[in-house]
Amino acid sequence: MKLVNLPKEVAEAIEELREIGISTMYIAQNVGVKQGFGASGLNKYLNVINDWRLECAEKRNNELLSALVNGYVMEKTPEEKMLENFRVHENVVWFYEGKTLDRAEQMQERYSSGYISGVKDFAELYGIKIEGINA
C-alpha cells in the first residue's frame, strides 16, 4: 500500500496530536468541524489539518483517513527539494573531478557545474538564503 504524502505542516499537526494522546478516531471525527478558539492547543492542530482537507475535500477526505490508518510520509519543502538536487549535482562534479572524461561524462559534468552555478547565482541575485547552499 502506498503511503500518502502530506504537507509538512499537516504531518506535524498529526504528530503533535498523537504526542498528546489524541486518538486516530478523535482526529477523524473532529477534523471536519471547524474548531473555535483556534489559536492554541488541540484546536490549532485540528484546524491546520482541516484547512488542508478543505482545499480539495472529496480527494483529501480519503487521503486523510488513509494517512491516519496506514501512515504517511512528510513532503519535502521546496528548500529541501532544491538542496537534494543541488547535492546530487555536487556529487557528480566531485566524482568526475581530476578524471579523464569521455564525451558523455564531460557533458554531464558541465551540466552539473552549470546547475550549481545557476542555483548559486539565482539565490544571490534574489537575496535568497538556502541552508546548505549559500547560508
Protein backbone atom coordinates (compact mmCIF):
# COMPACT_ATOMS: atom_id res chain seq x y z
CA MET A 1 0.00 0.00 0.00
CA LYS A 2 1.31 3.41 -0.98
CA LEU A 3 1.69 5.91 1.84
CA VAL A 4 0.04 9.31 1.50
CA ASN A 5 2.28 12.36 1.01
CA LEU A 6 1.28 15.06 3.47
CA PRO A 7 2.48 18.65 3.61
CA LYS A 8 4.92 19.23 6.43
CA GLU A 9 2.52 21.37 8.49
CA VAL A 10 -0.25 18.74 8.28
CA ALA A 11 2.07 15.87 9.21
CA GLU A 12 3.43 17.90 12.12
CA ALA A 13 -0.11 18.68 13.32
CA ILE A 14 -0.98 14.96 13.31
CA GLU A 15 2.23 14.15 15.16
CA GLU A 16 1.52 16.83 17.78
CA LEU A 17 -1.98 15.48 18.34
CA ARG A 18 -0.71 11.93 18.70
CA GLU A 19 2.04 13.05 21.10
CA ILE A 20 -0.57 14.43 23.49
CA GLY A 21 -2.58 11.20 23.29
CA ILE A 22 -5.27 12.11 20.77
CA SER A 23 -6.60 9.02 19.01
CA THR A 24 -6.93 8.44 15.28
CA MET A 25 -10.69 8.14 15.77
CA TYR A 26 -10.88 11.50 17.54
CA ILE A 27 -8.89 13.22 14.77
CA ALA A 28 -11.05 11.67 12.05
CA GLN A 29 -14.28 12.64 13.82
CA ASN A 30 -13.29 16.18 14.73
CA VAL A 31 -11.18 17.43 11.85
CA GLY A 32 -14.23 18.21 9.72
CA VAL A 33 -15.64 20.55 12.33
CA LYS A 34 -14.05 23.99 12.22
CA GLN A 35 -12.76 24.44 15.71
CA GLY A 36 -13.31 27.68 17.56
CA PHE A 37 -10.60 29.38 19.55
CA GLY A 38 -8.08 28.07 17.02
CA ALA A 39 -5.08 29.98 18.28
CA SER A 40 -3.87 27.37 20.70
CA GLY A 41 -3.83 23.76 21.76
CA LEU A 42 -5.80 20.97 20.22
CA ASN A 43 -7.94 23.25 18.04
CA LYS A 44 -4.89 24.77 16.40
CA TYR A 45 -3.72 21.37 15.11
CA LEU A 46 -7.19 20.24 14.04
CA ASN A 47 -7.63 23.50 12.11
CA VAL A 48 -4.33 23.01 10.25
CA ILE A 49 -5.48 19.57 9.13
CA ASN A 50 -8.98 20.80 8.29
CA ASP A 51 -7.72 23.76 6.23
CA TRP A 52 -5.62 21.37 4.12
CA ARG A 53 -8.52 18.94 3.80
CA LEU A 54 -10.93 21.65 2.62
CA GLU A 55 -8.69 22.64 -0.31
CA CYS A 56 -10.00 19.56 -2.14
CA ALA A 57 -12.36 17.84 0.28
CA GLU A 58 -13.52 14.97 -1.92
CA LYS A 59 -9.98 13.71 -2.55
CA ARG A 60 -8.44 14.77 0.72
CA ASN A 61 -11.02 13.07 2.96
CA ASN A 62 -9.81 9.70 1.66
CA GLU A 63 -6.17 10.76 1.82
CA LEU A 64 -6.54 11.89 5.41
CA LEU A 65 -8.21 8.66 6.52
CA SER A 66 -5.59 6.60 4.70
CA ALA A 67 -2.79 8.64 6.29
CA LEU A 68 -4.25 8.25 9.77
CA VAL A 69 -4.75 4.49 9.42
CA ASN A 70 -1.93 3.35 7.12
CA GLY A 71 0.71 6.00 7.69
CA TYR A 72 2.15 8.82 5.64
CA VAL A 73 5.33 10.47 4.53
CA MET A 74 6.06 14.13 5.02
CA GLU A 75 6.51 16.03 1.78
CA LYS A 76 9.79 17.82 1.40
CA THR A 77 9.75 21.59 1.45
CA PRO A 78 10.83 23.41 -1.73
CA GLU A 79 14.10 24.23 0.03
CA GLU A 80 14.69 20.58 0.90
CA LYS A 81 13.99 19.53 -2.69
CA MET A 82 16.36 22.18 -4.00
CA LEU A 83 19.10 21.12 -1.60
CA GLU A 84 18.66 17.46 -2.56
CA ASN A 85 19.04 18.25 -6.27
CA PHE A 86 21.96 20.56 -5.54
CA ARG A 87 23.75 17.77 -3.61
CA VAL A 88 23.26 15.33 -6.50
CA HIS A 89 24.96 17.74 -8.90
CA GLU A 90 27.73 18.49 -6.39
CA ASN A 91 28.41 14.77 -6.14
CA VAL A 92 28.58 14.43 -9.93
CA VAL A 93 31.13 17.24 -10.15
CA TRP A 94 33.12 15.80 -7.24
CA PHE A 95 33.07 12.30 -8.79
CA TYR A 96 34.43 13.49 -12.13
CA GLU A 97 37.00 15.89 -10.67
CA GLY A 98 40.52 15.21 -11.93
CA LYS A 99 39.47 12.28 -14.14
CA THR A 100 39.83 11.86 -17.87
CA LEU A 101 36.28 12.00 -19.17
CA ASP A 102 34.63 10.70 -22.30
CA ARG A 103 32.23 12.97 -24.18
CA ALA A 104 29.10 11.87 -22.25
CA GLU A 105 30.86 12.35 -18.91
CA GLN A 106 32.08 15.80 -19.98
CA MET A 107 28.52 16.78 -20.87
CA GLN A 108 27.21 15.52 -17.53
CA GLU A 109 29.97 17.31 -15.60
CA ARG A 110 29.32 20.56 -17.47
CA TYR A 111 25.58 20.27 -16.91
CA SER A 112 26.04 19.68 -13.18
CA SER A 113 28.55 22.53 -12.90
CA GLY A 114 26.12 24.83 -14.69
CA TYR A 115 23.28 23.72 -12.42
CA ILE A 116 25.34 24.52 -9.31
CA SER A 117 26.38 27.91 -10.68
CA GLY A 118 22.84 28.72 -11.75
CA VAL A 119 21.35 27.94 -8.34
CA LYS A 120 24.00 29.98 -6.55
CA ASP A 121 23.65 32.91 -8.94
CA PHE A 122 19.85 32.87 -8.71
CA ALA A 123 19.92 32.78 -4.91
CA GLU A 124 22.42 35.63 -4.77
CA LEU A 125 20.56 37.73 -7.34
CA TYR A 126 17.26 37.42 -5.47
CA GLY A 127 18.70 37.54 -1.97
CA ILE A 128 17.52 34.05 -1.10
CA LYS A 129 19.34 32.08 1.59
CA ILE A 130 19.12 28.30 1.30
CA GLU A 131 20.68 26.34 4.12
CA GLY A 132 23.45 24.11 2.75
CA ILE A 133 23.86 26.12 -0.45
CA ASN A 134 24.62 29.71 0.44
CA ALA A 135 23.65 30.05 4.09
